[in-house]
């Protein structure tokens, strides 16, 4: 599971690295309005996909044994879903353009629907990469798709300076995925309906949950597109991509690797509990400081990364970075409940989350604009913390001290780091390095990392405690390095559990 998570994190950082590099380039070639048009179109695409995505691959990953009927049935259902998704997009193209008062949106949606249709024919045999936990192959497949999208997007943007570059990149990624899926895996699917009933019996809850996730992730684009226009939607969308970097690039890939591992442990409650706590501790150790650190250093970082014209994204990114840190703490709940066969609980949590988020989103956006949308997400995530931990504690028979030993030190360290950066380090650097803002940004980030790990190591040295993630991480890093192992043993000897 650890090796698989490492591959998936490496993949996400590879993809996000390309994505950030692409955004830096495109932010200088395109205007916020261009991003807003594509953001509204992809939000509609996500609406159709989320409310029709049955999660057939997740069903196959969770099953103990699968055969040819399972694979063929899953592929056939996937193709049918692709047709319905593309048809739905075509039908909604004109109404969406009218709703947003943006005529350029209609042809964009037509092109994206073609990409959705093609993607439905991808080879279902690649699900073996996850089932067998050979995530290096998943790395190649997903990484190649991102490279193709980057090359197409940047090339068209450089030549034509148009939002169609973003659209072409999205379609190129889907076409590349389909082609490579048949090159990389020898399985050739055929038409079958033999297991449709079985697949739908489990995945119907995944379908509902996908819709609820969509409402959380994409409803701000719909609301802001109506309230603040394409510029407001584009501002929020780019700020979201930057602020959610840690959440999307750490939590999502780790959970992708953890699900098949948890599925193997579903009949071993004690080991499942231990694996959950290990994963939670490691995620919080890195994710929370990343989110709070970005919020504290946004003043110099955002203008350096995106350009001075994006300074309006600073407060939005600060709120979203904090929300992303909290979101990451809760994201490990879903794969555990899926492995335990409790998709209804995931759906219930999603329904509760949106019952808080959607009303607050509308009210905050109307009164506070784009910043209000980001504040509503932060408010919702904080409200969901006690509910998520209460449910997972009951299902895994966890004590409060078990959770505390995993998250208290990172939370204290990240909070102290953010305060020191915000109050002292960042203002000092931005005042003294006004002509070298990039230097102030780099020094702020580096200072935050040093401050955080000093505080966390100090707390661990003093208090230690069972369940601490620090020794687990260092054990993984040094198990194949004898010199590092001997050094680590000398350092850790006084603090071993």
Protein backbone atom coordinates (compact mmCIF):
# COMPACT_ATOMS: atom_id res chain seq x y z
CA UNK A 1 0.00 0.00 0.00
CA UNK A 2 2.85 2.39 0.85
CA UNK A 3 4.62 1.69 -2.44
CA UNK A 4 1.39 2.09 -4.37
CA UNK A 5 0.67 5.38 -2.61
CA UNK A 6 4.19 6.54 -3.43
CA UNK A 7 3.65 5.82 -7.13
CA UNK A 8 0.30 7.59 -7.09
CA UNK A 9 1.66 10.63 -5.25
CA UNK A 10 4.55 10.75 -7.73
CA UNK A 11 2.03 10.59 -10.57
CA UNK A 12 -0.07 13.40 -9.16
CA UNK A 13 2.96 15.58 -8.53
CA UNK A 14 4.14 14.88 -12.06
CA UNK A 15 0.73 15.78 -13.46
CA UNK A 16 0.28 18.76 -11.19
CA UNK A 17 3.80 19.95 -11.92
CA UNK A 18 2.94 19.97 -15.59
CA UNK A 19 -0.41 21.56 -14.76
CA UNK A 20 1.13 24.34 -12.68
CA UNK A 21 3.76 24.98 -15.36
CA UNK A 22 0.98 25.06 -17.93
CA UNK A 23 -1.09 27.46 -15.81
CA UNK A 24 1.89 29.79 -15.36
CA UNK A 25 2.36 29.90 -19.13
CA UNK A 26 -1.33 30.15 -19.99
CA UNK A 27 -2.01 32.84 -17.37
CA UNK A 28 0.32 35.07 -19.38
CA UNK A 29 -1.15 34.14 -22.76
CA UNK A 30 -4.85 34.09 -21.90
CA UNK A 31 -7.12 36.29 -19.80
CA UNK A 32 -9.34 35.31 -16.83
CA UNK A 33 -12.37 35.39 -19.13
CA UNK A 34 -10.87 32.58 -21.25
CA UNK A 35 -10.43 30.41 -18.18
CA UNK A 36 -13.95 31.28 -17.07
CA UNK A 37 -15.54 30.10 -20.34
CA UNK A 38 -13.80 26.73 -20.16
CA UNK A 39 -14.45 26.47 -16.41
CA UNK A 40 -18.19 26.85 -17.01
CA UNK A 41 -18.10 24.27 -19.81
CA UNK A 42 -16.12 21.74 -17.75
CA UNK A 43 -18.42 22.36 -14.79
CA UNK A 44 -21.36 21.33 -16.99
CA UNK A 45 -19.37 18.33 -18.23
CA UNK A 46 -18.65 17.36 -14.63
CA UNK A 47 -22.36 17.70 -13.85
CA UNK A 48 -23.27 15.18 -16.54
CA UNK A 49 -20.38 12.85 -15.72
CA UNK A 50 -20.90 12.91 -11.96
CA UNK A 51 -24.61 12.19 -12.17
CA UNK A 52 -24.09 9.28 -14.57
CA UNK A 53 -20.77 7.81 -13.40
CA UNK A 54 -21.42 4.39 -11.85
CA UNK A 55 -17.85 3.81 -10.67
CA UNK A 56 -17.59 0.45 -12.44
CA UNK A 57 -13.83 0.32 -11.93
CA UNK A 58 -14.27 0.79 -8.18
CA UNK A 59 -16.68 -2.15 -8.11
CA UNK A 60 -14.11 -4.34 -9.87
CA UNK A 61 -11.29 -3.22 -7.57
CA UNK A 62 -13.29 -4.10 -4.46
CA UNK A 63 -14.34 -7.63 -5.60
CA UNK A 64 -12.21 -10.52 -4.33
CA UNK A 65 -12.31 -12.34 -7.69
CA UNK A 66 -13.33 -11.13 -11.15
CA UNK A 67 -13.74 -12.98 -14.45
CA UNK A 68 -14.28 -12.19 -18.12
CA UNK A 69 -17.99 -11.58 -17.62
CA UNK A 70 -17.21 -8.93 -15.01
CA UNK A 71 -14.78 -7.15 -17.32
CA UNK A 72 -16.99 -7.31 -20.42
CA UNK A 73 -20.06 -6.21 -18.50
CA UNK A 74 -18.18 -3.30 -16.95
CA UNK A 75 -16.81 -2.19 -20.34
CA UNK A 76 -20.21 -2.43 -22.03
CA UNK A 77 -21.81 -0.40 -19.27
CA UNK A 78 -18.99 2.12 -19.54
CA UNK A 79 -19.65 2.55 -23.29
CA UNK A 80 -23.38 3.04 -22.72
CA UNK A 81 -22.68 5.61 -20.03
CA UNK A 82 -20.34 7.45 -22.41
CA UNK A 83 -23.10 7.70 -25.03
CA UNK A 84 -25.60 9.08 -22.52
CA UNK A 85 -23.07 11.56 -21.14
CA UNK A 86 -22.23 12.90 -24.61
CA UNK A 87 -25.94 13.11 -25.52
CA UNK A 88 -26.71 14.97 -22.30
CA UNK A 89 -23.97 17.51 -23.01
CA UNK A 90 -25.26 18.16 -26.52
CA UNK A 91 -28.79 18.66 -25.21
CA UNK A 92 -27.65 21.12 -22.52
CA UNK A 93 -25.24 23.15 -24.68
CA UNK A 94 -27.71 25.80 -25.82
CA UNK A 95 -29.56 26.14 -22.47
CA UNK A 96 -26.20 26.52 -20.69
CA UNK A 97 -25.13 29.28 -23.08
CA UNK A 98 -28.40 31.09 -22.38
CA UNK A 99 -28.16 30.59 -18.61
CA UNK A 100 -24.66 32.10 -18.44
CA UNK A 101 -25.40 34.67 -21.20
CA UNK A 102 -22.27 33.41 -22.95
CA UNK A 103 -22.84 32.31 -26.61
CA UNK A 104 -19.22 31.13 -26.94
CA UNK A 105 -20.03 28.34 -24.50
CA UNK A 106 -22.23 26.33 -26.88
CA UNK A 107 -19.59 25.20 -29.44
CA UNK A 108 -17.14 24.49 -26.60
CA UNK A 109 -19.59 22.05 -25.04
CA UNK A 110 -20.17 20.31 -28.38
CA UNK A 111 -16.44 19.62 -28.74
CA UNK A 112 -16.13 18.40 -25.15
CA UNK A 113 -19.04 15.99 -25.70
CA UNK A 114 -17.04 14.30 -28.47
CA UNK A 115 -14.18 13.73 -26.03
CA UNK A 116 -16.57 12.22 -23.48
CA UNK A 117 -17.99 9.83 -26.08
CA UNK A 118 -14.53 8.63 -27.14
CA UNK A 119 -13.42 8.17 -23.54
CA UNK A 120 -16.21 5.68 -22.90
CA UNK A 121 -14.41 3.14 -25.13
CA UNK A 122 -11.24 2.95 -22.99
CA UNK A 123 -9.96 -0.56 -22.22
CA UNK A 124 -11.41 -1.89 -18.96
CA UNK A 125 -8.48 -4.30 -18.68
CA UNK A 126 -6.33 -1.55 -17.17
CA UNK A 127 -8.30 -1.96 -13.92
CA UNK A 128 -5.80 -4.78 -13.29
CA UNK A 129 -3.16 -2.13 -12.59
CA UNK A 130 -5.09 -1.17 -9.43
CA UNK A 131 -6.26 -4.64 -8.46
CA UNK A 132 -2.73 -6.03 -8.67
CA UNK A 133 -1.32 -2.79 -7.20
CA UNK A 134 1.11 -2.36 -10.13
CA UNK A 135 0.81 1.39 -9.92
CA UNK A 136 3.93 2.02 -11.99
CA UNK A 137 1.83 1.11 -15.05
CA UNK A 138 -0.90 3.46 -13.87
CA UNK A 139 1.79 6.14 -13.64
CA UNK A 140 2.75 5.67 -17.29
CA UNK A 141 -0.86 5.64 -18.50
CA UNK A 142 -2.02 8.72 -16.58
CA UNK A 143 1.25 10.60 -16.99
CA UNK A 144 1.27 10.19 -20.76
CA UNK A 145 -2.26 11.53 -20.93
CA UNK A 146 -1.22 14.67 -19.07
CA UNK A 147 1.83 15.22 -21.28
CA UNK A 148 -0.30 15.02 -24.41
CA UNK A 149 -2.77 17.54 -22.97
CA UNK A 150 0.05 19.92 -22.03
CA UNK A 151 1.71 19.84 -25.44
CA UNK A 152 -1.53 20.43 -27.33
CA UNK A 153 -2.77 23.18 -24.99
CA UNK A 154 0.42 25.22 -24.89
CA UNK A 155 1.08 24.89 -28.62
CA UNK A 156 -2.36 26.21 -29.56
CA UNK A 157 -2.25 28.93 -26.90
CA UNK A 158 1.12 30.20 -28.09
CA UNK A 159 -0.01 30.35 -31.72
CA UNK A 160 -3.64 31.48 -31.42
CA UNK A 161 -4.02 32.98 -27.89
CA UNK A 162 -7.54 31.55 -27.52
CA UNK A 163 -9.56 29.56 -25.00
CA UNK A 164 -9.83 26.80 -27.62
CA UNK A 165 -6.34 25.76 -26.51
CA UNK A 166 -7.78 24.65 -23.16
CA UNK A 167 -10.60 22.77 -24.90
CA UNK A 168 -8.24 20.96 -27.28
CA UNK A 169 -6.03 19.90 -24.37
CA UNK A 170 -8.96 18.29 -22.55
CA UNK A 171 -10.00 16.30 -25.63
CA UNK A 172 -6.39 15.31 -26.40
CA UNK A 173 -6.03 13.83 -22.89
CA UNK A 174 -9.12 11.65 -23.34
CA UNK A 175 -8.11 10.41 -26.79
CA UNK A 176 -4.60 9.58 -25.54
CA UNK A 177 -6.05 7.62 -22.61
CA UNK A 178 -8.16 5.46 -24.90
CA UNK A 179 -5.32 4.69 -27.32
CA UNK A 180 -2.78 3.89 -24.60
CA UNK A 181 -5.21 1.70 -22.65
CA UNK A 182 -5.28 -0.77 -25.56
CA UNK A 183 -1.53 -0.54 -26.12
CA UNK A 184 -0.63 -1.16 -22.48
CA UNK A 185 -3.01 -4.04 -21.66
CA UNK A 186 -3.70 -7.08 -23.86
CA UNK A 187 -7.32 -7.60 -22.77
CA UNK A 188 -9.85 -6.96 -25.53
CA UNK A 189 -13.34 -6.38 -24.14
CA UNK A 190 -16.55 -7.56 -25.75
CA UNK A 191 -20.21 -6.73 -25.33
CA UNK A 192 -21.96 -8.29 -22.32
CA UNK A 193 -24.83 -7.50 -19.97
CA UNK A 194 -24.33 -10.52 -17.70
CA UNK A 195 -23.25 -8.57 -14.58
CA UNK A 196 -25.03 -5.25 -15.06
CA UNK A 197 -27.41 -5.95 -12.19
CA UNK A 198 -24.61 -6.83 -9.79
CA UNK A 199 -22.54 -3.80 -10.75
CA UNK A 200 -25.46 -1.41 -10.41
CA UNK A 201 -26.49 -2.94 -7.07
CA UNK A 202 -23.32 -1.62 -5.45
CA UNK A 203 -22.51 1.36 -7.63
CA UNK A 204 -25.88 3.10 -7.35
CA UNK A 205 -24.63 4.59 -4.09
CA UNK A 206 -21.39 5.61 -5.79
CA UNK A 207 -23.50 7.34 -8.44
CA UNK A 208 -25.37 9.38 -5.84
CA UNK A 209 -22.13 10.16 -4.03
CA UNK A 210 -20.52 11.33 -7.28
CA UNK A 211 -23.38 13.75 -7.75
CA UNK A 212 -22.92 15.07 -4.23
CA UNK A 213 -19.19 15.51 -4.79
CA UNK A 214 -19.94 17.45 -7.94
CA UNK A 215 -22.17 19.83 -6.03
CA UNK A 216 -19.36 20.53 -3.58
CA UNK A 217 -16.65 20.94 -6.21
CA UNK A 218 -18.41 22.62 -9.11
CA UNK A 219 -21.47 24.46 -7.80
CA UNK A 220 -19.35 27.59 -7.07
CA UNK A 221 -18.68 27.89 -10.81
CA UNK A 222 -22.41 27.85 -11.60
CA UNK A 223 -23.24 30.33 -8.84
CA UNK A 224 -20.34 32.68 -9.59
CA UNK A 225 -20.90 32.40 -13.34
CA UNK A 226 -24.37 33.77 -12.71
CA UNK A 227 -23.47 36.29 -9.99
CA UNK A 228 -19.99 37.47 -11.05
CA UNK A 229 -19.79 36.46 -14.73
CA UNK A 230 -16.98 34.67 -16.58
CA UNK A 231 -14.28 36.75 -14.90
CA UNK A 232 -15.43 35.85 -11.38
CA UNK A 233 -15.76 32.17 -12.29
CA UNK A 234 -12.30 32.18 -13.86
CA UNK A 235 -10.76 33.90 -10.83
CA UNK A 236 -12.24 31.31 -8.47
CA UNK A 237 -11.31 28.39 -10.72
CA UNK A 238 -7.63 29.33 -10.99
CA UNK A 239 -7.41 30.14 -7.27
CA UNK A 240 -9.00 26.75 -6.53
CA UNK A 241 -6.42 24.94 -8.66
CA UNK A 242 -3.54 26.65 -6.87
CA UNK A 243 -4.97 26.41 -3.36
CA UNK A 244 -6.08 22.79 -3.63
CA UNK A 245 -2.71 21.65 -4.95
CA UNK A 246 -1.83 19.72 -1.79
CA UNK A 247 -5.28 18.20 -1.34
CA UNK A 248 -5.66 17.05 -4.93
CA UNK A 249 -2.08 15.92 -5.39
CA UNK A 250 -1.56 14.11 -2.08
CA UNK A 251 -4.92 12.84 -0.86
CA UNK A 252 -6.50 11.71 -4.12
CA UNK A 253 -3.58 9.52 -5.26
CA UNK A 254 -3.04 8.08 -1.78
CA UNK A 255 -6.70 7.12 -1.58
CA UNK A 256 -6.48 5.53 -5.04
CA UNK A 257 -3.75 3.26 -3.70
CA UNK A 258 -5.37 2.69 -0.31
CA UNK A 259 -8.73 1.42 -1.58
CA UNK A 260 -7.42 -1.91 -2.97
CA UNK A 261 -5.28 -2.31 0.15
CA UNK A 262 -8.20 -1.63 2.48
CA UNK A 263 -10.33 -4.03 0.44
CA UNK A 264 -7.84 -6.81 1.20
CA UNK A 265 -8.06 -5.97 4.92
CA UNK A 266 -11.85 -5.72 5.15
CA UNK A 267 -12.00 -9.01 7.09
CA UNK A 268 -9.19 -8.00 9.48
CA UNK A 269 -10.60 -5.13 11.62
CA UNK A 270 -7.49 -4.55 13.71
CA UNK A 271 -5.16 -4.30 10.75
CA UNK A 272 -7.68 -2.11 8.90
CA UNK A 273 -7.81 0.25 11.88
CA UNK A 274 -4.02 0.41 12.08
CA UNK A 275 -3.72 1.09 8.34
CA UNK A 276 -6.30 3.88 8.55
CA UNK A 277 -4.45 5.57 11.41
CA UNK A 278 -1.10 5.24 9.62
CA UNK A 279 -2.53 6.81 6.47
CA UNK A 280 -4.31 9.58 8.41
CA UNK A 281 -1.15 10.47 10.31
CA UNK A 282 1.00 10.65 7.20
CA UNK A 283 -1.53 12.70 5.23
CA UNK A 284 -2.06 15.20 8.04
CA UNK A 285 1.67 15.51 8.68
CA UNK A 286 2.23 16.86 5.16
CA UNK A 287 -1.16 18.18 4.05
CA UNK A 288 -2.12 20.53 6.87
CA UNK A 289 1.14 22.52 6.81
CA UNK A 290 0.97 22.68 3.01
CA UNK A 291 -2.51 24.22 3.15
CA UNK A 292 -1.89 26.61 6.04
CA UNK A 293 1.54 27.47 4.65
CA UNK A 294 0.07 28.51 1.31
CA UNK A 295 -2.57 30.59 3.09
CA UNK A 296 0.15 32.37 5.08
CA UNK A 297 2.44 33.00 2.09
CA UNK A 298 -0.19 33.80 -0.55
CA UNK A 299 0.65 37.52 -0.64
CA UNK A 300 4.02 37.00 -2.36
CA UNK A 301 3.36 33.56 -3.90
CA UNK A 302 0.21 34.25 -5.96
CA UNK A 303 1.58 37.30 -7.85
CA UNK A 304 4.85 35.46 -8.54
CA UNK A 305 3.14 32.30 -9.81
CA UNK A 306 0.26 33.87 -11.78
CA UNK A 307 1.32 37.46 -12.39
CA UNK A 308 0.29 40.79 -10.85
CA UNK A 309 -3.04 40.80 -12.72
CA UNK A 310 -4.18 37.88 -10.53
CA UNK A 311 -3.71 39.67 -7.19
CA UNK A 312 -7.46 39.49 -6.65
CA UNK A 313 -7.08 35.73 -6.19
CA UNK A 314 -4.99 36.13 -2.99
CA UNK A 315 -7.79 36.16 -0.36
CA UNK A 316 -9.71 33.51 -2.31
CA UNK A 317 -6.68 31.22 -2.39
CA UNK A 318 -6.10 31.76 1.34
CA UNK A 319 -9.60 30.59 2.26
CA UNK A 320 -9.48 27.67 -0.17
CA UNK A 321 -6.04 26.52 1.01
CA UNK A 322 -7.34 26.25 4.57
CA UNK A 323 -10.46 24.45 3.34
CA UNK A 324 -8.28 22.05 1.37
CA UNK A 325 -6.24 21.18 4.45
CA UNK A 326 -9.40 20.28 6.35
CA UNK A 327 -10.82 18.43 3.35
CA UNK A 328 -7.69 16.29 3.15
CA UNK A 329 -8.05 15.24 6.79
CA UNK A 330 -11.51 13.86 6.00
CA UNK A 331 -10.81 12.30 2.60
CA UNK A 332 -9.52 9.01 4.03
CA UNK A 333 -13.00 8.22 5.35
CA UNK A 334 -14.46 7.26 1.96
CA UNK A 335 -12.02 4.46 0.96
CA UNK A 336 -12.37 2.82 4.39
CA UNK A 337 -16.16 2.84 4.23
CA UNK A 338 -16.07 1.58 0.63
CA UNK A 339 -13.78 -1.29 1.63
CA UNK A 340 -16.17 -2.15 4.47
CA UNK A 341 -19.09 -2.20 2.03
CA UNK A 342 -20.78 0.90 3.49
CA UNK A 343 -21.34 3.20 0.49
CA UNK A 344 -24.61 4.43 2.01
CA UNK A 345 -22.70 6.15 4.79
CA UNK A 346 -20.54 7.97 2.25
CA UNK A 347 -23.72 9.16 0.53
CA UNK A 348 -25.19 10.31 3.84
CA UNK A 349 -22.05 12.30 4.63
CA UNK A 350 -22.14 13.89 1.17
CA UNK A 351 -25.79 14.85 1.61
CA UNK A 352 -25.08 16.46 4.97
CA UNK A 353 -22.07 18.30 3.56
CA UNK A 354 -24.09 19.80 0.73
CA UNK A 355 -27.01 20.71 2.98
CA UNK A 356 -24.53 23.02 4.74
CA UNK A 357 -22.51 24.12 1.72
CA UNK A 358 -25.12 25.03 -0.89
CA UNK A 359 -27.18 27.49 1.20
CA UNK A 360 -24.04 29.12 2.58
CA UNK A 361 -22.53 29.30 -0.93
CA UNK A 362 -25.52 31.17 -2.34
CA UNK A 363 -25.82 33.58 0.58
CA UNK A 364 -22.09 34.28 0.92
CA UNK A 365 -21.63 34.70 -2.86
CA UNK A 366 -24.50 37.16 -3.17
CA UNK A 367 -23.22 39.32 -0.31
CA UNK A 368 -19.43 38.88 -0.59
CA UNK A 369 -18.85 37.83 -4.20
CA UNK A 370 -16.03 35.44 -5.09
CA UNK A 371 -14.49 35.64 -1.61
CA UNK A 372 -17.82 34.58 -0.16
CA UNK A 373 -17.78 31.38 -2.21
CA UNK A 374 -14.38 30.43 -0.81
CA UNK A 375 -15.45 31.25 2.75
CA UNK A 376 -18.53 29.04 2.42
CA UNK A 377 -16.36 26.02 1.51
CA UNK A 378 -14.08 26.60 4.51
CA UNK A 379 -17.07 26.93 6.83
CA UNK A 380 -18.56 23.67 5.51
CA UNK A 381 -15.36 21.64 5.85
CA UNK A 382 -14.87 22.74 9.44
CA UNK A 383 -18.45 21.77 10.26
CA UNK A 384 -17.92 18.27 8.83
CA UNK A 385 -14.84 17.43 10.93
CA UNK A 386 -16.61 16.15 14.09
CA UNK A 387 -19.20 14.24 12.05
CA UNK A 388 -16.63 12.39 9.93
CA UNK A 389 -14.44 11.46 12.87
CA UNK A 390 -17.43 10.35 14.92
CA UNK A 391 -18.57 7.95 12.19
CA UNK A 392 -15.15 6.51 11.43
CA UNK A 393 -14.40 6.11 15.14
CA UNK A 394 -17.57 4.08 15.60
CA UNK A 395 -17.00 1.86 12.55
CA UNK A 396 -13.34 1.15 13.33
CA UNK A 397 -13.71 1.16 17.13
CA UNK A 398 -11.26 4.03 17.51
CA UNK A 399 -10.61 5.97 20.69
CA UNK A 400 -10.14 9.72 20.83
CA UNK A 401 -6.54 9.21 21.91
CA UNK A 402 -5.91 7.12 18.78
CA UNK A 403 -6.94 9.98 16.54
CA UNK A 404 -5.20 12.56 18.67
CA UNK A 405 -1.84 10.78 18.52
CA UNK A 406 -1.97 11.03 14.71
CA UNK A 407 -3.03 14.63 14.22
CA UNK A 408 -2.29 16.78 17.30
CA UNK A 409 1.40 17.46 16.59
CA UNK A 410 0.89 18.36 12.91
CA UNK A 411 -2.04 20.62 13.77
CA UNK A 412 -0.11 22.46 16.49
CA UNK A 413 3.00 22.73 14.32
CA UNK A 414 1.12 23.96 11.27
CA UNK A 415 -0.89 26.50 13.27
CA UNK A 416 2.22 27.92 14.92
CA UNK A 417 4.05 28.03 11.58
CA UNK A 418 1.19 29.90 9.88
CA UNK A 419 1.05 32.51 12.67
CA UNK A 420 4.82 33.10 12.58
CA UNK A 421 4.77 33.45 8.79
CA UNK A 422 1.73 35.69 8.62
CA UNK A 423 2.65 38.00 11.48
CA UNK A 424 6.42 38.18 11.14
CA UNK A 425 8.26 36.49 8.28
CA UNK A 426 6.11 37.35 5.24
CA UNK A 427 5.58 41.07 6.04
CA UNK A 428 9.30 41.46 6.78
CA UNK A 429 10.39 39.79 3.54
CA UNK A 430 7.87 41.59 1.32
CA UNK A 431 8.92 44.96 2.78
CA UNK A 432 12.66 44.36 2.42
CA UNK A 433 12.47 42.64 -0.99
CA UNK A 434 9.89 44.76 -2.82
CA UNK A 435 11.88 44.61 -6.06
CA UNK A 436 12.47 40.86 -5.81
CA UNK A 437 9.08 39.44 -4.95
CA UNK A 438 10.08 36.01 -6.25
CA UNK A 439 12.87 35.94 -3.67
CA UNK A 440 10.45 36.87 -0.91
CA UNK A 441 8.12 34.07 -2.03
CA UNK A 442 10.87 31.45 -2.06
CA UNK A 443 12.27 32.51 1.31
CA UNK A 444 8.77 32.57 2.83
CA UNK A 445 8.07 29.01 1.70
CA UNK A 446 11.48 27.77 2.81
CA UNK A 447 11.13 29.49 6.20
CA UNK A 448 7.73 27.90 6.69
CA UNK A 449 9.09 24.42 6.01
CA UNK A 450 11.97 24.88 8.48
CA UNK A 451 9.70 26.34 11.17
CA UNK A 452 7.13 23.58 10.82
CA UNK A 453 9.45 20.60 10.88
CA UNK A 454 11.42 22.11 13.78
CA UNK A 455 8.26 22.47 15.85
CA UNK A 456 6.92 19.02 14.95
CA UNK A 457 10.25 17.31 15.63
CA UNK A 458 10.52 19.18 18.93
CA UNK A 459 7.05 18.07 20.00
CA UNK A 460 7.76 14.48 18.99
CA UNK A 461 11.10 14.51 20.84
CA UNK A 462 9.42 15.72 24.00
CA UNK A 463 6.16 13.75 23.95
CA UNK A 464 6.64 10.89 21.45
CA UNK A 465 3.62 8.66 21.85
CA UNK A 466 2.09 5.64 20.13
CA UNK A 467 0.68 6.17 16.68
CA UNK A 468 3.15 8.89 15.72
CA UNK A 469 3.56 8.98 11.93
CA UNK A 470 7.11 10.35 11.99
CA UNK A 471 8.92 7.05 12.67
CA UNK A 472 6.77 5.21 10.14
CA UNK A 473 7.68 7.66 7.38
CA UNK A 474 11.38 7.58 8.16
CA UNK A 475 11.31 3.79 8.40
CA UNK A 476 9.85 3.62 4.89
CA UNK A 477 12.42 6.06 3.54
CA UNK A 478 15.42 4.33 5.10
CA UNK A 479 14.55 0.64 4.98
CA UNK A 480 16.56 0.16 1.79
CA UNK A 481 19.36 2.59 2.74
CA UNK A 482 21.72 1.06 5.36
CA UNK A 483 23.63 4.31 5.99
CA UNK A 484 20.44 6.29 6.51
CA UNK A 485 19.08 3.46 8.62
CA UNK A 486 22.03 3.58 11.03
CA UNK A 487 21.77 7.35 11.27
CA UNK A 488 18.03 7.20 11.89
CA UNK A 489 18.43 4.53 14.59
CA UNK A 490 20.83 6.78 16.48
CA UNK A 491 18.48 9.76 16.23
CA UNK A 492 15.29 7.85 17.03
CA UNK A 493 16.63 5.59 19.78
CA UNK A 494 15.37 7.74 22.68
CA UNK A 495 11.89 8.09 21.16
CA UNK A 496 11.03 4.58 20.00
CA UNK A 497 7.48 3.52 20.83
